[in-house]
């Protein structure tokens, strides 16, 4: 903005030409002040000096605009990259959640089988405890029940599009 103010004020450009290279800028943003010291040997502006200073300031202004535009593009690119990374991480979290849900369903089915085994393992007198085939029949029933329960819950979750 300071460069635009300098370009709009021909008096400032004339003062720059008179002063030579002994001016300095103090402050920042819109609140700045230029302090100039006029050299003793400089009293008249040489021919073409004003145009040269004006061209230099315009060149610096164009460079600043170019750098600003490039910085804006890079910032937008960085934001897009950040969004892309967030989507990728979210996708990975969803995959981990699905696997975790499968493990929980499997654990539930095995726990139900352990409950049935615990019930049959109590020290109660029944005719099943005296039969040899009852152990294998109960074990096969528990395993089959756990597998059936797992697949029923799995297909229910697939149909509801949870998995």
Protein backbone atom coordinates (compact mmCIF):
# COMPACT_ATOMS: atom_id res chain seq x y z
CA UNK A 1 0.00 0.00 0.00
CA UNK A 2 2.91 2.31 0.69
CA UNK A 3 4.13 1.82 -2.88
CA UNK A 4 0.71 2.78 -4.28
CA UNK A 5 0.71 5.92 -2.12
CA UNK A 6 4.16 6.83 -3.43
CA UNK A 7 3.08 6.32 -7.04
CA UNK A 8 -0.02 8.48 -6.58
CA UNK A 9 1.88 11.39 -5.05
CA UNK A 10 4.20 13.07 -7.57
CA UNK A 11 5.62 15.28 -4.82
CA UNK A 12 6.96 12.22 -2.99
CA UNK A 13 8.64 10.94 -6.16
CA UNK A 14 10.17 14.39 -6.72
CA UNK A 15 11.45 14.42 -3.14
CA UNK A 16 12.96 10.95 -3.62
CA UNK A 17 14.78 12.26 -6.71
CA UNK A 18 16.07 15.30 -4.84
CA UNK A 19 17.15 13.37 -1.82
CA UNK A 20 18.91 10.55 -3.50
CA UNK A 21 19.30 7.41 -1.41
CA UNK A 22 19.14 8.84 2.10
CA UNK A 23 15.43 8.33 2.84
CA UNK A 24 14.10 5.75 5.28
CA UNK A 25 10.65 4.40 6.10
CA UNK A 26 9.46 4.13 9.69
CA UNK A 27 6.37 2.23 10.81
CA UNK A 28 4.36 -0.54 9.16
CA UNK A 29 1.04 -1.13 7.43
CA UNK A 30 -1.04 2.01 6.88
CA UNK A 31 0.77 3.82 9.69
CA UNK A 32 4.13 4.71 8.20
CA UNK A 33 6.24 7.79 7.87
CA UNK A 34 9.03 8.55 5.44
CA UNK A 35 11.94 10.60 6.68
CA UNK A 36 14.09 12.24 4.02
CA UNK A 37 17.40 14.00 4.27
CA UNK A 38 18.21 16.28 1.37
CA UNK A 39 21.83 16.08 0.26
CA UNK A 40 23.56 19.43 0.15
CA UNK A 41 24.65 19.03 -3.47
CA UNK A 42 21.16 17.98 -4.73
CA UNK A 43 18.81 20.88 -5.44
CA UNK A 44 17.53 20.09 -8.97
CA UNK A 45 15.93 16.92 -10.30
CA UNK A 46 17.88 15.49 -13.20
CA UNK A 47 16.10 14.69 -16.43
CA UNK A 48 14.40 11.25 -16.53
CA UNK A 49 15.08 10.57 -12.87
CA UNK A 50 11.43 10.82 -11.86
CA UNK A 51 10.37 8.32 -14.52
CA UNK A 52 13.14 5.97 -13.47
CA UNK A 53 12.07 6.11 -9.83
CA UNK A 54 8.44 5.65 -10.84
CA UNK A 55 9.35 2.62 -12.98
CA UNK A 56 11.35 1.13 -10.10
CA UNK A 57 8.45 1.54 -7.71
CA UNK A 58 6.04 0.03 -10.26
CA UNK A 59 8.43 -2.89 -10.73
CA UNK A 60 8.57 -3.48 -6.99
CA UNK A 61 4.79 -3.24 -6.82
CA UNK A 62 4.39 -5.83 -9.59
CA UNK A 63 6.83 -8.15 -7.84
CA UNK A 64 4.93 -7.76 -4.58
CA UNK A 65 1.64 -8.56 -6.32
CA UNK A 66 3.22 -11.60 -7.96
CA UNK A 67 4.62 -12.86 -4.66
CA UNK A 68 1.30 -12.22 -2.94
CA UNK A 69 -0.58 -14.18 -5.63
CA UNK A 70 1.84 -17.06 -5.41
CA UNK A 71 1.55 -17.10 -1.61
CA UNK A 72 -2.25 -17.20 -1.90
CA UNK A 73 -2.06 -20.14 -4.33
CA UNK A 74 0.33 -22.01 -2.05
CA UNK A 75 -1.91 -21.39 0.95
CA UNK A 76 -4.94 -22.71 -0.95
CA UNK A 77 -2.94 -25.74 -2.06
CA UNK A 78 -1.91 -26.40 1.54
CA UNK A 79 -5.55 -26.18 2.68
CA UNK A 80 -6.61 -28.64 -0.03
CA UNK A 81 -3.80 -31.00 1.02
CA UNK A 82 -4.94 -30.75 4.64
CA UNK A 83 -8.51 -31.61 3.62
CA UNK A 84 -7.28 -34.56 1.57
CA UNK A 85 -5.24 -35.88 4.49
CA UNK A 86 -8.24 -35.49 6.82
CA UNK A 87 -10.44 -37.51 4.44
CA UNK A 88 -7.77 -40.20 4.14
CA UNK A 89 -7.42 -40.45 7.94
CA UNK A 90 -11.18 -40.59 8.34
CA UNK A 91 -11.34 -43.46 5.84
CA UNK A 92 -8.66 -45.36 7.76
CA UNK A 93 -10.49 -44.78 11.05
CA UNK A 94 -13.66 -46.19 9.47
CA UNK A 95 -11.80 -49.33 8.38
CA UNK A 96 -10.39 -49.79 11.90
CA UNK A 97 -13.87 -49.29 13.37
CA UNK A 98 -15.29 -51.96 11.07
CA UNK A 99 -12.63 -54.46 12.08
CA UNK A 100 -13.20 -53.58 15.73
CA UNK A 101 -16.94 -54.18 15.29
CA UNK A 102 -16.27 -57.59 13.73
CA UNK A 103 -14.08 -58.53 16.69
CA UNK A 104 -16.77 -57.38 19.12
CA UNK A 105 -19.42 -59.46 17.35
CA UNK A 106 -17.10 -62.49 17.46
CA UNK A 107 -16.35 -61.90 21.13
CA UNK A 108 -20.07 -61.67 21.91
CA UNK A 109 -20.76 -64.97 20.18
CA UNK A 110 -17.90 -66.72 22.01
CA UNK A 111 -19.11 -65.23 25.31
CA UNK A 112 -22.57 -66.68 24.76
CA UNK A 113 -20.93 -70.07 24.15
CA UNK A 114 -18.91 -69.65 27.36
CA UNK A 115 -22.16 -68.87 29.21
CA UNK A 116 -23.73 -72.11 27.97
CA UNK A 117 -20.57 -74.04 28.91
CA UNK A 118 -20.64 -72.43 32.35
CA UNK A 119 -24.23 -73.46 32.86
CA UNK A 120 -23.45 -77.06 31.92
CA UNK A 121 -20.30 -76.99 34.02
CA UNK A 122 -22.13 -76.42 37.29
CA UNK A 123 -22.03 -79.24 39.77
CA UNK A 124 -25.62 -80.29 39.29
CA UNK A 125 -26.80 -83.81 38.89
CA UNK A 126 -28.36 -84.47 35.50
CA UNK A 127 -28.53 -87.35 33.10
CA UNK A 128 -26.29 -85.45 30.58
CA UNK A 129 -23.28 -85.58 32.90
CA UNK A 130 -23.43 -89.36 32.93
CA UNK A 131 -23.56 -89.80 29.16
CA UNK A 132 -20.33 -89.89 27.09
CA UNK A 133 -21.85 -88.40 23.95
CA UNK A 134 -23.29 -85.39 25.89
CA UNK A 135 -19.88 -83.64 26.09
CA UNK A 136 -19.32 -83.82 22.33
CA UNK A 137 -22.90 -82.94 21.56
CA UNK A 138 -22.80 -79.89 23.86
CA UNK A 139 -19.41 -78.76 22.50
CA UNK A 140 -20.62 -79.08 18.89
CA UNK A 141 -23.84 -77.24 19.77
CA UNK A 142 -21.96 -74.38 21.41
CA UNK A 143 -19.57 -74.01 18.44
CA UNK A 144 -22.38 -74.23 15.89
CA UNK A 145 -24.50 -71.75 17.86
CA UNK A 146 -21.61 -69.28 18.13
CA UNK A 147 -20.91 -69.52 14.38
CA UNK A 148 -24.58 -69.17 13.46
CA UNK A 149 -24.97 -66.19 15.81
CA UNK A 150 -21.85 -64.56 14.34
CA UNK A 151 -23.04 -64.91 10.75
CA UNK A 152 -26.58 -63.78 11.60
CA UNK A 153 -25.25 -60.61 13.25
CA UNK A 154 -22.69 -60.15 10.44
CA UNK A 155 -25.33 -60.32 7.69
CA UNK A 156 -27.64 -58.06 9.70
CA UNK A 157 -24.87 -55.45 9.92
CA UNK A 158 -24.10 -55.82 6.18
CA UNK A 159 -27.77 -55.40 5.27
CA UNK A 160 -28.00 -52.24 7.42
CA UNK A 161 -24.75 -51.02 5.72
CA UNK A 162 -22.96 -50.69 9.02
CA UNK A 163 -20.18 -52.96 7.73
